[in-house]
Amino acid sequence: MSINRLFIAVFALLFIPTTVWGASIVRTGEMVTITPEQVVEDDFYGMGNTVVVSGEVTSDLLAAGADMTVNGKVGADITVVTARLDIHGPLVMMFVLWLVRWWWPVK
């Protein structure tokens, strides 16, 4: 099993089944986005090579990817596993960041 597949499996087993409730949104793929017009009324979980959050997340943002960009408002905690992170939006509460430079090589 490759390192990437192992990481995704561990991430999914530890976080998603125990914390996804109600109107939470889960998205995976090569590029995961929330457009500026979109509002996620609960938690947002995203896994992909590139994750871009330009809309509003009213609760927690939990994401994993090589490149992360947060342009929109996040109403609660931000927890990310990433090699590169750009934040341009307002942060309301606690911010947790795990930089994993050895996981995804940044070119």
C-alpha atoms as a PDB file:
ATOM      1  CA  MET A   1       0.000   0.000   0.000  1.00  0.00           C
ATOM      2  CA  SER A   2       1.464   3.364  -0.964  1.00  0.00           C
ATOM      3  CA  ILE A   3       2.039   6.086   1.605  1.00  0.00           C
ATOM      4  CA  ASN A   4      -0.708   8.287   0.102  1.00  0.00           C
ATOM      5  CA  ARG A   5      -3.298   5.514   0.246  1.00  0.00           C
ATOM      6  CA  LEU A   6      -2.265   4.648   3.789  1.00  0.00           C
ATOM      7  CA  PHE A   7      -2.580   8.294   4.845  1.00  0.00           C
ATOM      8  CA  ILE A   8      -6.046   8.628   3.297  1.00  0.00           C
ATOM      9  CA  ALA A   9      -7.200   5.393   4.943  1.00  0.00           C
ATOM     10  CA  VAL A  10      -5.963   6.474   8.380  1.00  0.00           C
ATOM     11  CA  PHE A  11      -7.451   9.958   7.943  1.00  0.00           C
ATOM     12  CA  ALA A  12     -10.824   8.530   6.924  1.00  0.00           C
ATOM     13  CA  LEU A  13     -10.917   5.933   9.696  1.00  0.00           C
ATOM     14  CA  LEU A  14      -9.933   8.334  12.466  1.00  0.00           C
ATOM     15  CA  PHE A  15     -11.832  11.483  11.604  1.00  0.00           C
ATOM     16  CA  ILE A  16     -14.737  11.064   9.217  1.00  0.00           C
ATOM     17  CA  PRO A  17     -16.848   8.248  10.770  1.00  0.00           C
ATOM     18  CA  THR A  18     -16.764   9.735  14.257  1.00  0.00           C
ATOM     19  CA  THR A  19     -17.404  13.360  13.377  1.00  0.00           C
ATOM     20  CA  VAL A  20     -19.677  13.578  10.331  1.00  0.00           C
ATOM     21  CA  TRP A  21     -23.163  14.616  11.445  1.00  0.00           C
ATOM     22  CA  GLY A  22     -26.230  16.170   9.875  1.00  0.00           C
ATOM     23  CA  ALA A  23     -25.489  18.563   7.034  1.00  0.00           C
ATOM     24  CA  SER A  24     -21.732  18.004   6.947  1.00  0.00           C
ATOM     25  CA  ILE A  25     -20.174  17.998   3.484  1.00  0.00           C
ATOM     26  CA  VAL A  26     -17.504  15.457   2.469  1.00  0.00           C
ATOM     27  CA  ARG A  27     -15.672  15.905  -0.847  1.00  0.00           C
ATOM     28  CA  THR A  28     -12.707  14.089  -2.361  1.00  0.00           C
ATOM     29  CA  GLY A  29     -10.937  14.275  -5.700  1.00  0.00           C
ATOM     30  CA  GLU A  30      -7.951  15.751  -7.499  1.00  0.00           C
ATOM     31  CA  MET A  31      -9.228  19.309  -6.908  1.00  0.00           C
ATOM     32  CA  VAL A  32     -11.809  19.997  -4.196  1.00  0.00           C
ATOM     33  CA  THR A  33     -13.439  23.438  -4.159  1.00  0.00           C
ATOM     34  CA  ILE A  34     -16.111  25.484  -2.447  1.00  0.00           C
ATOM     35  CA  THR A  35     -17.045  28.356  -4.751  1.00  0.00           C
ATOM     36  CA  PRO A  36     -17.553  31.910  -3.403  1.00  0.00           C
ATOM     37  CA  GLU A  37     -21.340  31.525  -3.772  1.00  0.00           C
ATOM     38  CA  GLN A  38     -21.529  28.328  -1.700  1.00  0.00           C
ATOM     39  CA  VAL A  39     -22.270  28.236   2.029  1.00  0.00           C
ATOM     40  CA  VAL A  40     -21.652  25.004   3.951  1.00  0.00           C
ATOM     41  CA  GLU A  41     -24.068  25.099   6.897  1.00  0.00           C
ATOM     42  CA  ASP A  42     -22.048  22.640   8.991  1.00  0.00           C
ATOM     43  CA  ASP A  43     -18.631  20.959   8.939  1.00  0.00           C
ATOM     44  CA  PHE A  44     -16.666  20.550   5.706  1.00  0.00           C
ATOM     45  CA  TYR A  45     -14.324  17.605   5.114  1.00  0.00           C
ATOM     46  CA  GLY A  46     -12.157  17.686   1.997  1.00  0.00           C
ATOM     47  CA  MET A  47      -9.345  15.494   0.684  1.00  0.00           C
ATOM     48  CA  GLY A  48      -7.564  16.089  -2.595  1.00  0.00           C
ATOM     49  CA  ASN A  49      -4.339  17.207  -4.189  1.00  0.00           C
ATOM     50  CA  THR A  50      -5.628  20.803  -4.163  1.00  0.00           C
ATOM     51  CA  VAL A  51      -8.304  22.091  -1.764  1.00  0.00           C
ATOM     52  CA  VAL A  52      -9.697  25.619  -2.284  1.00  0.00           C
ATOM     53  CA  VAL A  53     -12.297  27.080   0.086  1.00  0.00           C
ATOM     54  CA  SER A  54     -13.613  30.368  -1.316  1.00  0.00           C
ATOM     55  CA  GLY A  55     -17.123  30.166   0.126  1.00  0.00           C
ATOM     56  CA  GLU A  56     -18.272  30.149   3.746  1.00  0.00           C
ATOM     57  CA  VAL A  57     -18.048  27.204   6.156  1.00  0.00           C
ATOM     58  CA  THR A  58     -20.203  27.909   9.221  1.00  0.00           C
ATOM     59  CA  SER A  59     -18.542  25.281  11.405  1.00  0.00           C
ATOM     60  CA  ASP A  60     -15.277  23.280  11.257  1.00  0.00           C
ATOM     61  CA  LEU A  61     -13.009  22.838   8.243  1.00  0.00           C
ATOM     62  CA  LEU A  62     -11.048  19.572   8.206  1.00  0.00           C
ATOM     63  CA  ALA A  63      -8.982  18.969   5.074  1.00  0.00           C
ATOM     64  CA  ALA A  64      -5.951  17.176   3.677  1.00  0.00           C
ATOM     65  CA  GLY A  65      -4.092  17.936   0.472  1.00  0.00           C
ATOM     66  CA  ALA A  66      -0.801  19.066  -1.009  1.00  0.00           C
ATOM     67  CA  ASP A  67      -2.001  22.650  -1.595  1.00  0.00           C
ATOM     68  CA  MET A  68      -4.628  24.422   0.527  1.00  0.00           C
ATOM     69  CA  THR A  69      -6.151  27.852  -0.037  1.00  0.00           C
ATOM     70  CA  VAL A  70      -8.725  29.387   2.304  1.00  0.00           C
ATOM     71  CA  ASN A  71     -10.280  32.557   0.871  1.00  0.00           C
ATOM     72  CA  GLY A  72     -13.658  32.364   2.590  1.00  0.00           C
ATOM     73  CA  LYS A  73     -14.857  32.637   6.174  1.00  0.00           C
ATOM     74  CA  VAL A  74     -14.596  29.622   8.481  1.00  0.00           C
ATOM     75  CA  GLY A  75     -16.863  29.820  11.525  1.00  0.00           C
ATOM     76  CA  ALA A  76     -14.949  27.474  13.833  1.00  0.00           C
ATOM     77  CA  ASP A  77     -11.777  25.363  13.837  1.00  0.00           C
ATOM     78  CA  ILE A  78      -9.513  24.823  10.859  1.00  0.00           C
ATOM     79  CA  THR A  79      -7.578  21.555  10.905  1.00  0.00           C
ATOM     80  CA  VAL A  80      -5.435  20.775   7.872  1.00  0.00           C
ATOM     81  CA  VAL A  81      -2.731  18.372   6.815  1.00  0.00           C
ATOM     82  CA  THR A  82      -0.870  20.023   3.970  1.00  0.00           C
ATOM     83  CA  ALA A  83       2.466  20.906   2.442  1.00  0.00           C
ATOM     84  CA  ARG A  84       1.458  24.470   1.498  1.00  0.00           C
ATOM     85  CA  LEU A  85      -1.248  26.673   2.994  1.00  0.00           C
ATOM     86  CA  ASP A  86      -2.499  30.122   1.935  1.00  0.00           C
ATOM     87  CA  ILE A  87      -5.076  31.875   4.126  1.00  0.00           C
ATOM     88  CA  HIS A  88      -6.739  35.023   2.827  1.00  0.00           C
ATOM     89  CA  GLY A  89     -10.064  34.823   4.669  1.00  0.00           C
ATOM     90  CA  PRO A  90     -11.013  35.734   8.246  1.00  0.00           C
ATOM     91  CA  LEU A  91     -10.414  33.234  11.039  1.00  0.00           C
ATOM     92  CA  VAL A  92     -12.975  33.183  13.832  1.00  0.00           C
ATOM     93  CA  MET A  93     -11.649  30.632  16.317  1.00  0.00           C
ATOM     94  CA  MET A  94      -8.751  28.267  16.971  1.00  0.00           C
ATOM     95  CA  PHE A  95      -6.422  27.383  14.136  1.00  0.00           C
ATOM     96  CA  VAL A  96      -4.640  24.028  13.996  1.00  0.00           C
ATOM     97  CA  LEU A  97      -2.050  23.402  11.299  1.00  0.00           C
ATOM     98  CA  TRP A  98      -0.031  20.318  10.546  1.00  0.00           C
ATOM     99  CA  LEU A  99       2.515  20.982   7.833  1.00  0.00           C
ATOM    100  CA  VAL A 100       3.670  17.804   6.192  1.00  0.00           C
ATOM    101  CA  ARG A 101       6.474  18.828   3.855  1.00  0.00           C
ATOM    102  CA  TRP A 102       7.936  15.330   3.664  1.00  0.00           C
ATOM    103  CA  TRP A 103       4.587  13.864   2.627  1.00  0.00           C
ATOM    104  CA  TRP A 104       3.965  15.824  -0.575  1.00  0.00           C
ATOM    105  CA  PRO A 105       6.953  17.321  -2.358  1.00  0.00           C
ATOM    106  CA  VAL A 106       6.293  20.972  -3.212  1.00  0.00           C
ATOM    107  CA  LYS A 107       7.565  21.852  -6.670  1.00  0.00           C
END
